[in-house]
Amino acid sequence: MKTIAGIPAHNNWRGIASLIDGADEHVDEIIVVDDGSEDKTVKITERTRTGATVIKQGNAGEGVAIRRLMEEARCGYISNDRGKL
C-alpha cells in the first residue's frame, strides 16, 4: 500500500522544509497544497530534496486544501493529524 503525506500549507515558510524532510523517510510520496501563501512557502517547498509535489491554489481555507489533497491522493484511507506548523 502506498503511503502519502498530504500537507496543507499557508504562509508556513519557517517550518515547511523540516516538516517535509521529516515526513520523507516515512512515506512514498509528499503532496503539498499551498493555499495562497504570500511568503516563501512555495519556493522553499520546491527546493526540498524530497521531490514533493506542490499544488498551488488561491486562499480558500484549510478545509478546501484538505479536500484537494484527498482528490490528488486518490486513496482509500485518510489520517488527519491536526498539528500546526
C-alpha atoms as a PDB file:
ATOM      1  CA  MET A   1       0.000   0.000   0.000  1.00  0.00           C
ATOM      2  CA  LYS A   2       1.329   3.425  -0.959  1.00  0.00           C
ATOM      3  CA  THR A   3       1.646   5.971   1.854  1.00  0.00           C
ATOM      4  CA  ILE A   4       1.194   9.666   1.053  1.00  0.00           C
ATOM      5  CA  ALA A   5       1.793  12.660   3.311  1.00  0.00           C
ATOM      6  CA  GLY A   6      -0.652  15.418   2.426  1.00  0.00           C
ATOM      7  CA  ILE A   7       0.306  18.823   3.767  1.00  0.00           C
ATOM      8  CA  PRO A   8      -1.971  21.867   3.537  1.00  0.00           C
ATOM      9  CA  ALA A   9       0.190  24.992   3.800  1.00  0.00           C
ATOM     10  CA  HIS A  10      -0.423  28.717   4.137  1.00  0.00           C
ATOM     11  CA  ASN A  11       2.451  31.074   4.931  1.00  0.00           C
ATOM     12  CA  ASN A  12       4.451  28.304   6.634  1.00  0.00           C
ATOM     13  CA  TRP A  13       7.916  29.077   5.284  1.00  0.00           C
ATOM     14  CA  ARG A  14       9.602  28.749   8.672  1.00  0.00           C
ATOM     15  CA  GLY A  15       8.677  25.106   9.222  1.00  0.00           C
ATOM     16  CA  ILE A  16       7.719  23.603   5.871  1.00  0.00           C
ATOM     17  CA  ALA A  17      11.177  22.266   4.926  1.00  0.00           C
ATOM     18  CA  SER A  18      11.729  20.430   8.212  1.00  0.00           C
ATOM     19  CA  LEU A  19       8.196  19.021   8.092  1.00  0.00           C
ATOM     20  CA  ILE A  20       8.724  17.700   4.564  1.00  0.00           C
ATOM     21  CA  ASP A  21      12.195  16.348   5.323  1.00  0.00           C
ATOM     22  CA  GLY A  22      10.886  14.623   8.460  1.00  0.00           C
ATOM     23  CA  ALA A  23       7.982  13.010   6.611  1.00  0.00           C
ATOM     24  CA  ASP A  24      10.097  11.878   3.669  1.00  0.00           C
ATOM     25  CA  GLU A  25      11.605   8.857   5.378  1.00  0.00           C
ATOM     26  CA  HIS A  26       8.163   7.560   6.385  1.00  0.00           C
ATOM     27  CA  VAL A  27       6.101   7.935   3.195  1.00  0.00           C
ATOM     28  CA  ASP A  28       6.232   7.103  -0.503  1.00  0.00           C
ATOM     29  CA  GLU A  29       5.040  10.499  -1.722  1.00  0.00           C
ATOM     30  CA  ILE A  30       4.516  14.020  -0.383  1.00  0.00           C
ATOM     31  CA  ILE A  31       1.857  16.379  -1.696  1.00  0.00           C
ATOM     32  CA  VAL A  32       1.723  19.981  -0.513  1.00  0.00           C
ATOM     33  CA  VAL A  33      -1.298  22.150  -1.306  1.00  0.00           C
ATOM     34  CA  ASP A  34      -0.269  25.765  -0.970  1.00  0.00           C
ATOM     35  CA  ASP A  35      -3.354  27.755  -0.028  1.00  0.00           C
ATOM     36  CA  GLY A  36      -2.383  31.137  -1.442  1.00  0.00           C
ATOM     37  CA  SER A  37       0.764  31.770   0.597  1.00  0.00           C
ATOM     38  CA  GLU A  38       2.228  35.245   0.304  1.00  0.00           C
ATOM     39  CA  ASP A  39       5.617  34.306   1.721  1.00  0.00           C
ATOM     40  CA  LYS A  40       8.410  31.893   0.689  1.00  0.00           C
ATOM     41  CA  THR A  41       6.439  28.696   1.379  1.00  0.00           C
ATOM     42  CA  VAL A  42       6.216  27.564  -2.258  1.00  0.00           C
ATOM     43  CA  LYS A  43       9.813  28.438  -3.092  1.00  0.00           C
ATOM     44  CA  ILE A  44      11.146  26.571  -0.054  1.00  0.00           C
ATOM     45  CA  THR A  45       8.897  23.571  -0.721  1.00  0.00           C
ATOM     46  CA  GLU A  46      10.094  23.335  -4.321  1.00  0.00           C
ATOM     47  CA  ARG A  47      13.733  23.388  -3.157  1.00  0.00           C
ATOM     48  CA  THR A  48      13.468  20.445  -0.758  1.00  0.00           C
ATOM     49  CA  ARG A  49      15.353  17.363  -1.875  1.00  0.00           C
ATOM     50  CA  THR A  50      12.290  15.137  -1.487  1.00  0.00           C
ATOM     51  CA  GLY A  51      10.647  15.978  -4.796  1.00  0.00           C
ATOM     52  CA  ALA A  52       7.395  16.920  -3.090  1.00  0.00           C
ATOM     53  CA  THR A  53       4.516  17.695  -5.428  1.00  0.00           C
ATOM     54  CA  VAL A  54       3.330  21.286  -4.973  1.00  0.00           C
ATOM     55  CA  ILE A  55      -0.221  22.252  -5.891  1.00  0.00           C
ATOM     56  CA  LYS A  56      -0.978  25.956  -5.816  1.00  0.00           C
ATOM     57  CA  GLN A  57      -4.435  27.363  -5.220  1.00  0.00           C
ATOM     58  CA  GLY A  58      -5.873  30.684  -4.146  1.00  0.00           C
ATOM     59  CA  ASN A  59      -6.547  31.208  -0.468  1.00  0.00           C
ATOM     60  CA  ALA A  60      -9.676  29.134   0.083  1.00  0.00           C
ATOM     61  CA  GLY A  61      -9.050  27.837   3.592  1.00  0.00           C
ATOM     62  CA  GLU A  62      -7.691  24.699   5.202  1.00  0.00           C
ATOM     63  CA  GLY A  63     -10.811  22.625   4.522  1.00  0.00           C
ATOM     64  CA  VAL A  64     -10.608  23.250   0.776  1.00  0.00           C
ATOM     65  CA  ALA A  65      -6.878  22.472   0.819  1.00  0.00           C
ATOM     66  CA  ILE A  66      -7.550  19.166   2.606  1.00  0.00           C
ATOM     67  CA  ARG A  67     -10.274  18.251   0.100  1.00  0.00           C
ATOM     68  CA  ARG A  68      -7.825  18.993  -2.716  1.00  0.00           C
ATOM     69  CA  LEU A  69      -5.259  16.728  -1.058  1.00  0.00           C
ATOM     70  CA  MET A  70      -7.825  13.938  -0.858  1.00  0.00           C
ATOM     71  CA  GLU A  71      -8.639  14.331  -4.557  1.00  0.00           C
ATOM     72  CA  GLU A  72      -4.981  14.285  -5.549  1.00  0.00           C
ATOM     73  CA  ALA A  73      -4.022  11.376  -3.302  1.00  0.00           C
ATOM     74  CA  ARG A  74      -6.846   9.127  -4.560  1.00  0.00           C
ATOM     75  CA  CYS A  75      -6.582   6.777  -1.646  1.00  0.00           C
ATOM     76  CA  GLY A  76      -8.993   4.750   0.419  1.00  0.00           C
ATOM     77  CA  TYR A  77      -7.868   5.823   3.890  1.00  0.00           C
ATOM     78  CA  ILE A  78      -7.083   9.265   5.245  1.00  0.00           C
ATOM     79  CA  SER A  79      -5.491  10.078   8.592  1.00  0.00           C
ATOM     80  CA  ASN A  80      -5.549  13.719   9.565  1.00  0.00           C
ATOM     81  CA  ASP A  81      -3.043  14.974  12.096  1.00  0.00           C
ATOM     82  CA  ARG A  82      -4.252  18.444  13.010  1.00  0.00           C
ATOM     83  CA  GLY A  83      -0.807  19.585  14.120  1.00  0.00           C
ATOM     84  CA  LYS A  84       0.099  23.094  13.065  1.00  0.00           C
ATOM     85  CA  LEU A  85       3.447  24.380  11.860  1.00  0.00           C
END
